[in-house]
């Protein structure tokens, strides 16, 4: 089957309820009066990666499990309104959801409802194989159904990427994703020794590139050529929220990879896309487009 999609995104769909708080951590109190208010919108990690890739002009399709509920309708509308293809499988526990507390400096604390998905949830193997056969690359979220889809993606010959988010480097649940992907993203937030964890991923798995994002400190890129630091890019507008910055970084990096750039250039693309995401309010959803990305890259590095 001829490639129909550049990237097949698996998992990571859901809704977030955004709550702006006066500070993080939030001291205990009986109540708080907050502004601008509380808003629920579609968009979790898979949704935002799909948005970033699609906005950069890559043919993108999203596969995940959704509930037959109002939250699922928000996710369906998110994809429909942005022209992102979505194939859904029923999720008996209902659409995944979370509450994000966002501080004045843009930092966030996410509270995930862990009751929505179960270890027994599965994406149908033949459906995964069919979509994989039409795709160049797969980006896999670390949700229960996706771990079981990794063999079908490999059988189809796809390259695979994943984001381990705030992995502590020890939780065994993350290992199939870490060691079964060609490109691995991880946050340094919970890593006692980021370089040690990155090298373990490179040595034990099949990764060609491991990227550890470190917020305002930038990121670290490890390949067979060694470890390099990727400086943070200063956003062009005020930082209002860090939600989705890691997903945007992944989308920018994958755009570079799928258009033939070397890993260091890919990481710079990711840094620019991540910086843009920090200027988007938590209640919104937006991503840098191809023209904007390439223009900023040219300004940073020259034509």
C-alpha atoms as a PDB file:
ATOM      1  CA  UNK A   1       0.000   0.000   0.000  1.00  0.00           C
ATOM      2  CA  UNK A   2       1.348   3.429  -0.926  1.00  0.00           C
ATOM      3  CA  UNK A   3       2.047   5.814   1.926  1.00  0.00           C
ATOM      4  CA  UNK A   4      -1.046   7.868   2.659  1.00  0.00           C
ATOM      5  CA  UNK A   5       0.212   9.361   5.924  1.00  0.00           C
ATOM      6  CA  UNK A   6       3.557  10.739   6.992  1.00  0.00           C
ATOM      7  CA  UNK A   7       2.798  10.072  10.659  1.00  0.00           C
ATOM      8  CA  UNK A   8       0.358   7.791  12.425  1.00  0.00           C
ATOM      9  CA  UNK A   9      -0.163   9.021  15.996  1.00  0.00           C
ATOM     10  CA  UNK A  10      -1.356   6.377  18.419  1.00  0.00           C
ATOM     11  CA  UNK A  11      -3.042   7.182  21.730  1.00  0.00           C
ATOM     12  CA  UNK A  12      -2.925  10.263  23.905  1.00  0.00           C
ATOM     13  CA  UNK A  13      -6.364  11.721  23.187  1.00  0.00           C
ATOM     14  CA  UNK A  14      -8.473  13.305  25.901  1.00  0.00           C
ATOM     15  CA  UNK A  15      -9.707  16.506  27.503  1.00  0.00           C
ATOM     16  CA  UNK A  16      -8.178  18.831  30.076  1.00  0.00           C
ATOM     17  CA  UNK A  17      -9.965  21.101  32.500  1.00  0.00           C
ATOM     18  CA  UNK A  18      -7.807  24.202  32.900  1.00  0.00           C
ATOM     19  CA  UNK A  19      -7.747  25.977  36.264  1.00  0.00           C
ATOM     20  CA  UNK A  20      -5.617  29.107  36.692  1.00  0.00           C
ATOM     21  CA  UNK A  21      -4.263  29.319  40.243  1.00  0.00           C
ATOM     22  CA  UNK A  22      -2.442  32.167  42.013  1.00  0.00           C
ATOM     23  CA  UNK A  23       0.657  30.073  42.693  1.00  0.00           C
ATOM     24  CA  UNK A  24       2.150  26.592  42.490  1.00  0.00           C
ATOM     25  CA  UNK A  25       2.317  24.688  44.732  1.00  0.00           C
ATOM     26  CA  UNK A  26      -1.104  25.817  45.854  1.00  0.00           C
ATOM     27  CA  UNK A  27      -1.343  26.266  49.636  1.00  0.00           C
ATOM     28  CA  UNK A  28      -4.312  24.669  51.315  1.00  0.00           C
ATOM     29  CA  UNK A  29      -7.351  26.900  51.712  1.00  0.00           C
ATOM     30  CA  UNK A  30     -11.062  26.333  51.990  1.00  0.00           C
ATOM     31  CA  UNK A  31     -11.632  28.108  48.687  1.00  0.00           C
ATOM     32  CA  UNK A  32     -10.029  30.341  46.049  1.00  0.00           C
ATOM     33  CA  UNK A  33     -11.531  32.919  43.734  1.00  0.00           C
ATOM     34  CA  UNK A  34      -9.781  32.545  40.383  1.00  0.00           C
ATOM     35  CA  UNK A  35      -9.651  34.365  37.078  1.00  0.00           C
ATOM     36  CA  UNK A  36     -10.052  33.992  34.144  1.00  0.00           C
ATOM     37  CA  UNK A  37     -12.065  30.952  35.234  1.00  0.00           C
ATOM     38  CA  UNK A  38     -12.317  27.226  34.594  1.00  0.00           C
ATOM     39  CA  UNK A  39     -12.547  25.813  31.086  1.00  0.00           C
ATOM     40  CA  UNK A  40     -12.574  22.292  29.641  1.00  0.00           C
ATOM     41  CA  UNK A  41     -11.066  21.796  26.199  1.00  0.00           C
ATOM     42  CA  UNK A  42      -9.914  18.906  24.059  1.00  0.00           C
ATOM     43  CA  UNK A  43      -6.219  18.214  23.814  1.00  0.00           C
ATOM     44  CA  UNK A  44      -3.839  15.840  25.506  1.00  0.00           C
ATOM     45  CA  UNK A  45      -0.429  14.644  24.362  1.00  0.00           C
ATOM     46  CA  UNK A  46      -1.479  12.696  21.259  1.00  0.00           C
ATOM     47  CA  UNK A  47      -3.897  15.404  20.169  1.00  0.00           C
ATOM     48  CA  UNK A  48      -1.223  18.088  20.475  1.00  0.00           C
ATOM     49  CA  UNK A  49       1.452  16.055  18.659  1.00  0.00           C
ATOM     50  CA  UNK A  50      -1.041  15.425  15.848  1.00  0.00           C
ATOM     51  CA  UNK A  51      -1.891  19.148  15.777  1.00  0.00           C
ATOM     52  CA  UNK A  52       1.772  20.142  15.626  1.00  0.00           C
ATOM     53  CA  UNK A  53       2.597  17.698  12.843  1.00  0.00           C
ATOM     54  CA  UNK A  54      -0.466  18.596  10.787  1.00  0.00           C
ATOM     55  CA  UNK A  55       0.145  22.344  11.132  1.00  0.00           C
ATOM     56  CA  UNK A  56       3.692  21.786   9.859  1.00  0.00           C
ATOM     57  CA  UNK A  57       2.225  20.242   6.730  1.00  0.00           C
ATOM     58  CA  UNK A  58       2.775  16.552   7.436  1.00  0.00           C
ATOM     59  CA  UNK A  59      -0.018  14.165   6.511  1.00  0.00           C
ATOM     60  CA  UNK A  60      -1.155  13.047   9.940  1.00  0.00           C
ATOM     61  CA  UNK A  61      -3.666  10.504  11.214  1.00  0.00           C
ATOM     62  CA  UNK A  62      -4.626   9.822  14.830  1.00  0.00           C
ATOM     63  CA  UNK A  63      -5.754   6.451  16.197  1.00  0.00           C
ATOM     64  CA  UNK A  64      -7.052   6.072  19.744  1.00  0.00           C
ATOM     65  CA  UNK A  65      -9.841   4.896  22.016  1.00  0.00           C
ATOM     66  CA  UNK A  66     -12.614   7.373  22.881  1.00  0.00           C
ATOM     67  CA  UNK A  67     -15.722   7.233  25.016  1.00  0.00           C
ATOM     68  CA  UNK A  68     -19.259   7.817  23.804  1.00  0.00           C
ATOM     69  CA  UNK A  69     -19.546  10.937  25.934  1.00  0.00           C
ATOM     70  CA  UNK A  70     -19.390  14.723  25.860  1.00  0.00           C
ATOM     71  CA  UNK A  71     -15.614  14.648  26.374  1.00  0.00           C
ATOM     72  CA  UNK A  72     -15.240  12.372  23.345  1.00  0.00           C
ATOM     73  CA  UNK A  73     -17.329  14.815  21.322  1.00  0.00           C
ATOM     74  CA  UNK A  74     -14.843  17.573  22.193  1.00  0.00           C
ATOM     75  CA  UNK A  75     -11.964  15.424  20.932  1.00  0.00           C
ATOM     76  CA  UNK A  76     -13.834  14.537  17.749  1.00  0.00           C
ATOM     77  CA  UNK A  77     -14.573  18.222  17.111  1.00  0.00           C
ATOM     78  CA  UNK A  78     -10.907  19.120  17.779  1.00  0.00           C
ATOM     79  CA  UNK A  79      -9.798  16.854  14.930  1.00  0.00           C
ATOM     80  CA  UNK A  80     -12.683  17.667  12.599  1.00  0.00           C
ATOM     81  CA  UNK A  81     -12.239  21.437  12.918  1.00  0.00           C
ATOM     82  CA  UNK A  82      -8.497  21.192  12.215  1.00  0.00           C
ATOM     83  CA  UNK A  83      -8.707  18.663   9.399  1.00  0.00           C
ATOM     84  CA  UNK A  84      -6.798  15.970  11.283  1.00  0.00           C
ATOM     85  CA  UNK A  85      -7.864  12.422  10.438  1.00  0.00           C
ATOM     86  CA  UNK A  86      -9.139  10.419  13.409  1.00  0.00           C
ATOM     87  CA  UNK A  87      -9.943   6.737  13.723  1.00  0.00           C
ATOM     88  CA  UNK A  88     -11.562   5.900  17.034  1.00  0.00           C
ATOM     89  CA  UNK A  89     -12.164   2.666  18.914  1.00  0.00           C
ATOM     90  CA  UNK A  90     -14.746   2.577  21.747  1.00  0.00           C
ATOM     91  CA  UNK A  91     -13.278   3.117  25.230  1.00  0.00           C
ATOM     92  CA  UNK A  92     -15.638   1.529  27.782  1.00  0.00           C
ATOM     93  CA  UNK A  93     -14.357   3.624  30.680  1.00  0.00           C
ATOM     94  CA  UNK A  94     -15.042   6.903  28.893  1.00  0.00           C
ATOM     95  CA  UNK A  95     -12.766   9.480  27.305  1.00  0.00           C
ATOM     96  CA  UNK A  96      -9.571  10.194  29.232  1.00  0.00           C
ATOM     97  CA  UNK A  97      -9.522  13.460  31.159  1.00  0.00           C
ATOM     98  CA  UNK A  98      -7.341  15.526  33.439  1.00  0.00           C
ATOM     99  CA  UNK A  99      -7.286  18.750  35.457  1.00  0.00           C
ATOM    100  CA  UNK A 100      -4.394  21.141  34.815  1.00  0.00           C
ATOM    101  CA  UNK A 101      -3.537  23.713  37.465  1.00  0.00           C
ATOM    102  CA  UNK A 102      -1.672  26.559  35.735  1.00  0.00           C
ATOM    103  CA  UNK A 103       0.371  29.093  37.708  1.00  0.00           C
ATOM    104  CA  UNK A 104       1.063  32.747  36.795  1.00  0.00           C
ATOM    105  CA  UNK A 105       4.482  31.817  35.382  1.00  0.00           C
ATOM    106  CA  UNK A 106       2.996  29.236  33.018  1.00  0.00           C
ATOM    107  CA  UNK A 107       4.046  26.168  34.995  1.00  0.00           C
ATOM    108  CA  UNK A 108       1.418  23.475  35.358  1.00  0.00           C
ATOM    109  CA  UNK A 109       0.422  20.592  37.598  1.00  0.00           C
ATOM    110  CA  UNK A 110      -1.620  17.884  35.869  1.00  0.00           C
ATOM    111  CA  UNK A 111      -4.039  15.624  37.712  1.00  0.00           C
ATOM    112  CA  UNK A 112      -4.908  12.611  35.551  1.00  0.00           C
ATOM    113  CA  UNK A 113      -8.058  10.551  36.029  1.00  0.00           C
ATOM    114  CA  UNK A 114      -6.553   7.069  36.061  1.00  0.00           C
ATOM    115  CA  UNK A 115      -9.919   5.300  36.115  1.00  0.00           C
ATOM    116  CA  UNK A 116     -10.758   5.771  32.434  1.00  0.00           C
ATOM    117  CA  UNK A 117      -8.409   3.244  30.865  1.00  0.00           C
ATOM    118  CA  UNK A 118      -7.590  -0.319  31.813  1.00  0.00           C
ATOM    119  CA  UNK A 119      -4.707  -2.655  31.087  1.00  0.00           C
ATOM    120  CA  UNK A 120      -7.149  -4.795  29.121  1.00  0.00           C
ATOM    121  CA  UNK A 121      -7.892  -1.997  26.615  1.00  0.00           C
ATOM    122  CA  UNK A 122      -6.680  -2.874  23.131  1.00  0.00           C
ATOM    123  CA  UNK A 123      -6.487  -1.358  19.661  1.00  0.00           C
ATOM    124  CA  UNK A 124      -7.609  -4.018  17.131  1.00  0.00           C
ATOM    125  CA  UNK A 125      -4.508  -5.582  15.592  1.00  0.00           C
ATOM    126  CA  UNK A 126      -5.843  -5.609  12.043  1.00  0.00           C
ATOM    127  CA  UNK A 127      -6.818  -1.944  12.310  1.00  0.00           C
ATOM    128  CA  UNK A 128      -3.310  -1.048  13.493  1.00  0.00           C
ATOM    129  CA  UNK A 129      -1.770  -3.081  10.672  1.00  0.00           C
ATOM    130  CA  UNK A 130      -4.007  -1.425   8.077  1.00  0.00           C
ATOM    131  CA  UNK A 131      -3.157   2.119   9.177  1.00  0.00           C
ATOM    132  CA  UNK A 132       0.518   1.260   9.653  1.00  0.00           C
ATOM    133  CA  UNK A 133       0.674  -0.069   6.087  1.00  0.00           C
ATOM    134  CA  UNK A 134      -0.386   3.370   4.886  1.00  0.00           C
ATOM    135  CA  UNK A 135       2.110   5.326   7.026  1.00  0.00           C
ATOM    136  CA  UNK A 136       5.792   6.282   7.026  1.00  0.00           C
ATOM    137  CA  UNK A 137       6.263   6.752  10.764  1.00  0.00           C
ATOM    138  CA  UNK A 138       4.381   6.147  14.013  1.00  0.00           C
ATOM    139  CA  UNK A 139       4.427   8.272  17.154  1.00  0.00           C
ATOM    140  CA  UNK A 140       3.245   6.227  20.117  1.00  0.00           C
ATOM    141  CA  UNK A 141       1.798   7.600  23.350  1.00  0.00           C
ATOM    142  CA  UNK A 142       2.537   5.715  26.580  1.00  0.00           C
ATOM    143  CA  UNK A 143      -1.037   4.547  27.164  1.00  0.00           C
ATOM    144  CA  UNK A 144      -2.141   0.965  27.760  1.00  0.00           C
ATOM    145  CA  UNK A 145      -3.380   0.107  24.241  1.00  0.00           C
ATOM    146  CA  UNK A 146      -0.277   1.461  22.538  1.00  0.00           C
ATOM    147  CA  UNK A 147       2.268  -0.848  24.169  1.00  0.00           C
ATOM    148  CA  UNK A 148       0.488  -3.801  22.589  1.00  0.00           C
ATOM    149  CA  UNK A 149       0.502  -2.124  19.187  1.00  0.00           C
ATOM    150  CA  UNK A 150       4.297  -1.846  19.004  1.00  0.00           C
ATOM    151  CA  UNK A 151       4.760  -5.322  17.416  1.00  0.00           C
ATOM    152  CA  UNK A 152       2.305  -4.539  14.606  1.00  0.00           C
ATOM    153  CA  UNK A 153       4.105  -1.279  13.875  1.00  0.00           C
ATOM    154  CA  UNK A 154       7.414  -3.108  13.693  1.00  0.00           C
ATOM    155  CA  UNK A 155       5.948  -5.769  11.415  1.00  0.00           C
ATOM    156  CA  UNK A 156       4.876  -2.989   9.041  1.00  0.00           C
ATOM    157  CA  UNK A 157       8.439  -1.669   8.948  1.00  0.00           C
ATOM    158  CA  UNK A 158       7.651   1.734  10.438  1.00  0.00           C
ATOM    159  CA  UNK A 159      10.087   3.846  12.353  1.00  0.00           C
ATOM    160  CA  UNK A 160       8.661   4.667  15.774  1.00  0.00           C
ATOM    161  CA  UNK A 161       8.958   7.554  18.220  1.00  0.00           C
ATOM    162  CA  UNK A 162       7.605   7.942  21.740  1.00  0.00           C
ATOM    163  CA  UNK A 163       7.530  10.437  24.590  1.00  0.00           C
ATOM    164  CA  UNK A 164       8.189   9.028  28.068  1.00  0.00           C
ATOM    165  CA  UNK A 165       7.229  12.370  29.663  1.00  0.00           C
ATOM    166  CA  UNK A 166       8.252  12.499  33.350  1.00  0.00           C
ATOM    167  CA  UNK A 167       9.663   8.965  33.554  1.00  0.00           C
ATOM    168  CA  UNK A 168      11.843   8.368  36.596  1.00  0.00           C
ATOM    169  CA  UNK A 169      14.108   6.012  34.672  1.00  0.00           C
ATOM    170  CA  UNK A 170      13.027   3.046  36.806  1.00  0.00           C
ATOM    171  CA  UNK A 171       9.328   2.328  36.230  1.00  0.00           C
ATOM    172  CA  UNK A 172       9.240  -0.861  34.157  1.00  0.00           C
ATOM    173  CA  UNK A 173       5.990   0.142  32.438  1.00  0.00           C
ATOM    174  CA  UNK A 174       7.880   2.634  30.249  1.00  0.00           C
ATOM    175  CA  UNK A 175      10.566   0.188  29.100  1.00  0.00           C
ATOM    176  CA  UNK A 176       8.778  -1.323  26.052  1.00  0.00           C
ATOM    177  CA  UNK A 177       8.335   2.210  24.716  1.00  0.00           C
ATOM    178  CA  UNK A 178      11.853   3.336  25.648  1.00  0.00           C
ATOM    179  CA  UNK A 179      13.609   0.311  24.183  1.00  0.00           C
ATOM    180  CA  UNK A 180      11.287  -0.263  21.231  1.00  0.00           C
ATOM    181  CA  UNK A 181      11.417   3.182  19.602  1.00  0.00           C
ATOM    182  CA  UNK A 182      13.822   4.767  17.120  1.00  0.00           C
ATOM    183  CA  UNK A 183      13.414   8.251  18.608  1.00  0.00           C
ATOM    184  CA  UNK A 184      12.765   8.684  22.340  1.00  0.00           C
ATOM    185  CA  UNK A 185      11.730  11.899  24.061  1.00  0.00           C
ATOM    186  CA  UNK A 186      11.801  12.229  27.845  1.00  0.00           C
ATOM    187  CA  UNK A 187      11.627  15.074  30.346  1.00  0.00           C
ATOM    188  CA  UNK A 188      14.462  15.580  32.810  1.00  0.00           C
ATOM    189  CA  UNK A 189      11.921  16.465  35.526  1.00  0.00           C
ATOM    190  CA  UNK A 190      12.004  13.156  37.407  1.00  0.00           C
ATOM    191  CA  UNK A 191      15.395  11.828  36.276  1.00  0.00           C
ATOM    192  CA  UNK A 192      18.087  11.660  38.946  1.00  0.00           C
ATOM    193  CA  UNK A 193      20.766  11.275  36.266  1.00  0.00           C
ATOM    194  CA  UNK A 194      19.423  12.249  32.823  1.00  0.00           C
ATOM    195  CA  UNK A 195      22.587  11.348  30.909  1.00  0.00           C
ATOM    196  CA  UNK A 196      22.779   7.899  32.499  1.00  0.00           C
ATOM    197  CA  UNK A 197      19.161   7.180  31.577  1.00  0.00           C
ATOM    198  CA  UNK A 198      19.636   8.457  28.045  1.00  0.00           C
ATOM    199  CA  UNK A 199      22.691   6.279  27.515  1.00  0.00           C
ATOM    200  CA  UNK A 200      20.855   3.245  28.864  1.00  0.00           C
ATOM    201  CA  UNK A 201      18.051   3.810  26.360  1.00  0.00           C
ATOM    202  CA  UNK A 202      20.564   4.103  23.524  1.00  0.00           C
ATOM    203  CA  UNK A 203      22.513   1.005  24.600  1.00  0.00           C
ATOM    204  CA  UNK A 204      19.643  -1.343  25.432  1.00  0.00           C
ATOM    205  CA  UNK A 205      17.107  -0.337  22.818  1.00  0.00           C
ATOM    206  CA  UNK A 206      16.906   0.478  19.153  1.00  0.00           C
ATOM    207  CA  UNK A 207      16.915   4.266  19.505  1.00  0.00           C
ATOM    208  CA  UNK A 208      18.979   6.320  17.077  1.00  0.00           C
ATOM    209  CA  UNK A 209      18.297   9.519  19.006  1.00  0.00           C
ATOM    210  CA  UNK A 210      17.293  10.239  22.607  1.00  0.00           C
ATOM    211  CA  UNK A 211      16.138  13.736  23.539  1.00  0.00           C
ATOM    212  CA  UNK A 212      15.764  14.923  27.134  1.00  0.00           C
ATOM    213  CA  UNK A 213      13.859  18.196  27.372  1.00  0.00           C
ATOM    214  CA  UNK A 214      14.734  20.473  30.294  1.00  0.00           C
ATOM    215  CA  UNK A 215      12.358  23.427  30.029  1.00  0.00           C
ATOM    216  CA  UNK A 216      14.095  26.795  30.190  1.00  0.00           C
ATOM    217  CA  UNK A 217      17.468  25.023  30.214  1.00  0.00           C
ATOM    218  CA  UNK A 218      16.849  23.710  26.716  1.00  0.00           C
ATOM    219  CA  UNK A 219      17.311  20.058  25.837  1.00  0.00           C
ATOM    220  CA  UNK A 220      19.951  17.355  25.503  1.00  0.00           C
ATOM    221  CA  UNK A 221      20.397  15.221  22.405  1.00  0.00           C
ATOM    222  CA  UNK A 222      22.181  11.873  22.505  1.00  0.00           C
ATOM    223  CA  UNK A 223      23.107   9.940  19.366  1.00  0.00           C
ATOM    224  CA  UNK A 224      25.903   7.554  18.444  1.00  0.00           C
ATOM    225  CA  UNK A 225      27.997  10.692  17.844  1.00  0.00           C
ATOM    226  CA  UNK A 226      27.702  11.792  21.461  1.00  0.00           C
ATOM    227  CA  UNK A 227      25.756  14.088  23.770  1.00  0.00           C
ATOM    228  CA  UNK A 228      25.070  17.715  22.877  1.00  0.00           C
ATOM    229  CA  UNK A 229      23.180  20.508  24.600  1.00  0.00           C
ATOM    230  CA  UNK A 230      20.420  22.230  22.652  1.00  0.00           C
ATOM    231  CA  UNK A 231      19.904  25.776  24.008  1.00  0.00           C
ATOM    232  CA  UNK A 232      16.399  26.984  24.675  1.00  0.00           C
ATOM    233  CA  UNK A 233      14.921  29.392  22.140  1.00  0.00           C
ATOM    234  CA  UNK A 234      13.493  32.659  23.433  1.00  0.00           C
ATOM    235  CA  UNK A 235       9.779  32.845  22.566  1.00  0.00           C
ATOM    236  CA  UNK A 236       8.682  35.764  20.420  1.00  0.00           C
ATOM    237  CA  UNK A 237       5.755  36.508  22.741  1.00  0.00           C
ATOM    238  CA  UNK A 238       5.289  36.330  26.518  1.00  0.00           C
ATOM    239  CA  UNK A 239       5.325  32.877  28.093  1.00  0.00           C
ATOM    240  CA  UNK A 240       1.826  32.116  29.366  1.00  0.00           C
ATOM    241  CA  UNK A 241       1.766  28.328  29.698  1.00  0.00           C
ATOM    242  CA  UNK A 242       4.099  25.361  29.341  1.00  0.00           C
ATOM    243  CA  UNK A 243       1.272  22.955  28.537  1.00  0.00           C
ATOM    244  CA  UNK A 244       1.948  21.208  25.234  1.00  0.00           C
ATOM    245  CA  UNK A 245       5.534  22.461  24.890  1.00  0.00           C
ATOM    246  CA  UNK A 246       6.966  18.948  24.994  1.00  0.00           C
ATOM    247  CA  UNK A 247       4.446  17.745  22.414  1.00  0.00           C
ATOM    248  CA  UNK A 248       5.331  20.687  20.179  1.00  0.00           C
ATOM    249  CA  UNK A 249       9.039  19.891  20.564  1.00  0.00           C
ATOM    250  CA  UNK A 250       8.383  16.311  19.470  1.00  0.00           C
ATOM    251  CA  UNK A 251       6.371  17.501  16.462  1.00  0.00           C
ATOM    252  CA  UNK A 252       9.106  19.924  15.402  1.00  0.00           C
ATOM    253  CA  UNK A 253      11.808  17.292  15.794  1.00  0.00           C
ATOM    254  CA  UNK A 254       9.836  14.725  13.787  1.00  0.00           C
ATOM    255  CA  UNK A 255       9.156  17.270  11.064  1.00  0.00           C
ATOM    256  CA  UNK A 256      12.902  17.726  10.707  1.00  0.00           C
ATOM    257  CA  UNK A 257      13.561  13.996  10.729  1.00  0.00           C
ATOM    258  CA  UNK A 258      10.913  13.228   8.115  1.00  0.00           C
ATOM    259  CA  UNK A 259      12.187  15.999   5.843  1.00  0.00           C
ATOM    260  CA  UNK A 260      15.745  14.655   5.960  1.00  0.00           C
ATOM    261  CA  UNK A 261      17.474  16.897   8.498  1.00  0.00           C
ATOM    262  CA  UNK A 262      20.275  15.725  10.795  1.00  0.00           C
ATOM    263  CA  UNK A 263      19.447  15.169  14.506  1.00  0.00           C
ATOM    264  CA  UNK A 264      20.958  18.462  15.707  1.00  0.00           C
ATOM    265  CA  UNK A 265      18.874  20.416  13.199  1.00  0.00           C
ATOM    266  CA  UNK A 266      15.805  18.394  14.189  1.00  0.00           C
ATOM    267  CA  UNK A 267      16.382  19.340  17.828  1.00  0.00           C
ATOM    268  CA  UNK A 268      16.572  23.018  16.871  1.00  0.00           C
ATOM    269  CA  UNK A 269      13.260  22.673  15.043  1.00  0.00           C
ATOM    270  CA  UNK A 270      11.861  21.139  18.214  1.00  0.00           C
ATOM    271  CA  UNK A 271      13.170  23.983  20.365  1.00  0.00           C
ATOM    272  CA  UNK A 272      11.533  26.605  18.143  1.00  0.00           C
ATOM    273  CA  UNK A 273       8.210  24.752  18.070  1.00  0.00           C
ATOM    274  CA  UNK A 274       8.305  24.233  21.836  1.00  0.00           C
ATOM    275  CA  UNK A 275       9.001  27.913  22.467  1.00  0.00           C
ATOM    276  CA  UNK A 276       6.022  28.870  20.327  1.00  0.00           C
ATOM    277  CA  UNK A 277       3.774  26.530  22.316  1.00  0.00           C
ATOM    278  CA  UNK A 278       4.692  28.351  25.530  1.00  0.00           C
ATOM    279  CA  UNK A 279       3.040  31.497  24.169  1.00  0.00           C
ATOM    280  CA  UNK A 280      -0.338  29.767  23.704  1.00  0.00           C
ATOM    281  CA  UNK A 281      -2.798  29.949  26.642  1.00  0.00           C
ATOM    282  CA  UNK A 282      -3.679  26.641  28.282  1.00  0.00           C
ATOM    283  CA  UNK A 283      -7.297  27.128  27.292  1.00  0.00           C
ATOM    284  CA  UNK A 284      -6.349  27.347  23.617  1.00  0.00           C
ATOM    285  CA  UNK A 285      -4.691  25.100  21.058  1.00  0.00           C
ATOM    286  CA  UNK A 286      -2.335  26.378  18.391  1.00  0.00           C
ATOM    287  CA  UNK A 287       0.930  25.308  16.798  1.00  0.00           C
ATOM    288  CA  UNK A 288       3.619  26.917  14.693  1.00  0.00           C
ATOM    289  CA  UNK A 289       3.220  26.424  10.944  1.00  0.00           C
ATOM    290  CA  UNK A 290       5.907  25.429   8.463  1.00  0.00           C
ATOM    291  CA  UNK A 291       6.538  28.951   7.175  1.00  0.00           C
ATOM    292  CA  UNK A 292       6.883  30.341  10.694  1.00  0.00           C
ATOM    293  CA  UNK A 293       9.193  27.547  11.777  1.00  0.00           C
ATOM    294  CA  UNK A 294      11.503  27.850   8.786  1.00  0.00           C
ATOM    295  CA  UNK A 295      11.571  31.633   9.080  1.00  0.00           C
ATOM    296  CA  UNK A 296      12.696  31.447  12.723  1.00  0.00           C
ATOM    297  CA  UNK A 297      15.251  28.776  11.898  1.00  0.00           C
ATOM    298  CA  UNK A 298      16.711  30.969   9.150  1.00  0.00           C
ATOM    299  CA  UNK A 299      16.942  33.897  11.558  1.00  0.00           C
ATOM    300  CA  UNK A 300      18.730  31.746  14.114  1.00  0.00           C
ATOM    301  CA  UNK A 301      21.149  29.998  11.777  1.00  0.00           C
ATOM    302  CA  UNK A 302      21.232  31.987   8.540  1.00  0.00           C
ATOM    303  CA  UNK A 303      19.752  30.964   5.144  1.00  0.00           C
END
